[in-house]
Amino acid sequence: MEFTSASANKYLRRLQEEKDRLLRTEQEVSTYVLAEGEAAEPPAYDYGAVREKVAQIDGQARAIRHALHRFKMQTVLPERGITIDEALILLAQLSGRKDRLNSLASCVRYA
């Protein structure tokens, strides 16, 4: 499969939503309460099938996340000569500097 960064992130969100849905359903049907004298009619639930599907989702997510990380570490931005990974770190650092400057600027008082 080929993804853009945005479509890979969308796909990862869909995978996580599917996993969450499976786990919620599992939580709801894995246990049940019977009233005294009530016949047992357990809900349809297959532990092995749910675990297998969750493992499959985790494997897909792991592969996509790994590919995204590799892409960010190997793709160089020609204008800057740094990788996307480095650019993301730089962006966070610059944002921190901006916040610090804003903080200092708000402390300036004119007499």
Protein backbone atom coordinates (compact mmCIF):
# COMPACT_ATOMS: atom_id res chain seq x y z
CA MET A 1 0.00 0.00 0.00
CA GLU A 2 1.07 3.55 -0.61
CA PHE A 3 -0.01 6.37 1.65
CA THR A 4 0.54 10.05 2.03
CA SER A 5 1.42 11.09 5.55
CA ALA A 6 -2.11 12.42 6.08
CA SER A 7 -3.81 9.31 4.70
CA ALA A 8 -1.56 7.07 6.81
CA ASN A 9 -2.59 8.98 9.92
CA LYS A 10 -6.27 8.70 8.92
CA TYR A 11 -5.83 4.97 8.41
CA LEU A 12 -4.13 4.65 11.80
CA ARG A 13 -7.09 6.46 13.42
CA ARG A 14 -9.53 4.07 11.71
CA LEU A 15 -7.52 1.09 12.94
CA GLN A 16 -7.54 2.47 16.49
CA GLU A 17 -11.30 3.08 16.32
CA GLU A 18 -11.85 -0.51 15.14
CA LYS A 19 -9.67 -1.83 17.96
CA ASP A 20 -11.51 0.33 20.51
CA ARG A 21 -14.85 -0.94 19.18
CA LEU A 22 -13.72 -4.55 19.49
CA LEU A 23 -12.49 -4.00 23.03
CA ARG A 24 -15.73 -2.23 24.06
CA THR A 25 -17.79 -5.06 22.61
CA GLU A 26 -15.56 -7.57 24.37
CA GLN A 27 -16.05 -5.74 27.68
CA GLU A 28 -19.82 -5.76 27.23
CA VAL A 29 -20.24 -9.42 26.25
CA SER A 30 -17.37 -11.17 28.02
CA THR A 31 -19.25 -11.33 31.34
CA TYR A 32 -22.92 -11.45 32.24
CA VAL A 33 -25.06 -11.79 35.34
CA LEU A 34 -27.78 -14.36 35.91
CA ALA A 35 -30.67 -14.01 38.29
CA GLU A 36 -31.24 -16.93 40.64
CA GLY A 37 -32.85 -19.77 38.72
CA GLU A 38 -32.33 -18.11 35.33
CA ALA A 39 -31.09 -20.33 32.50
CA ALA A 40 -27.64 -19.44 31.18
CA GLU A 41 -27.73 -17.90 27.71
CA PRO A 42 -24.25 -16.47 27.28
CA PRO A 43 -23.78 -13.78 24.64
CA ALA A 44 -21.92 -14.77 21.49
CA TYR A 45 -18.26 -14.17 22.26
CA ASP A 46 -15.10 -15.79 20.92
CA TYR A 47 -12.04 -14.80 22.94
CA GLY A 48 -9.60 -16.27 20.40
CA ALA A 49 -11.19 -14.50 17.44
CA VAL A 50 -11.18 -11.14 19.25
CA ARG A 51 -7.53 -11.53 20.32
CA GLU A 52 -6.57 -12.53 16.77
CA LYS A 53 -8.31 -9.47 15.28
CA VAL A 54 -6.71 -7.14 17.87
CA ALA A 55 -3.28 -8.64 17.12
CA GLN A 56 -3.88 -8.14 13.38
CA ILE A 57 -4.83 -4.48 13.92
CA ASP A 58 -1.78 -3.95 16.15
CA GLY A 59 0.47 -5.48 13.47
CA GLN A 60 -0.93 -3.22 10.75
CA ALA A 61 -0.58 -0.13 12.94
CA ARG A 62 2.99 -1.07 13.87
CA ALA A 63 3.98 -1.49 10.21
CA ILE A 64 2.44 1.83 9.17
CA ARG A 65 3.96 3.74 12.11
CA HIS A 66 7.37 2.25 11.31
CA ALA A 67 7.06 3.29 7.65
CA LEU A 68 6.06 6.82 8.70
CA HIS A 69 9.05 7.08 11.03
CA ARG A 70 11.42 5.81 8.33
CA PHE A 71 10.00 8.32 5.84
CA LYS A 72 10.44 11.20 8.30
CA MET A 73 13.99 10.13 9.13
CA GLN A 74 15.11 9.64 5.50
CA THR A 75 13.36 12.43 3.61
CA VAL A 76 15.47 15.57 3.43
CA LEU A 77 13.89 18.99 2.97
CA PRO A 78 16.01 20.51 0.19
CA GLU A 79 15.50 24.13 1.30
CA ARG A 80 16.96 23.41 4.72
CA GLY A 81 19.11 20.33 4.22
CA ILE A 82 17.51 18.61 7.21
CA THR A 83 15.17 15.62 7.49
CA ILE A 84 11.48 15.93 8.23
CA ASP A 85 12.21 14.42 11.65
CA GLU A 86 14.78 17.14 12.37
CA ALA A 87 12.36 19.79 11.07
CA LEU A 88 9.67 18.60 13.49
CA ILE A 89 12.13 18.83 16.38
CA LEU A 90 13.26 22.27 15.19
CA LEU A 91 9.64 23.39 14.97
CA ALA A 92 9.06 22.42 18.61
CA GLN A 93 12.26 24.21 19.64
CA LEU A 94 11.31 27.37 17.75
CA SER A 95 7.84 27.27 19.29
CA GLY A 96 9.45 27.10 22.73
CA ARG A 97 11.64 30.10 21.90
CA LYS A 98 8.62 32.05 20.67
CA ASP A 99 6.72 31.28 23.87
CA ARG A 100 9.71 32.43 25.93
CA LEU A 101 9.97 35.69 23.94
CA ASN A 102 6.23 36.30 24.35
CA SER A 103 6.62 35.73 28.08
CA LEU A 104 9.52 38.18 28.27
CA ALA A 105 7.69 40.74 26.12
CA SER A 106 4.69 40.66 28.43
CA CYS A 107 7.00 41.55 31.35
CA VAL A 108 8.27 44.74 29.73
CA ARG A 109 6.94 47.77 31.55
CA TYR A 110 7.27 51.33 30.38
CA ALA A 111 7.69 54.07 32.96
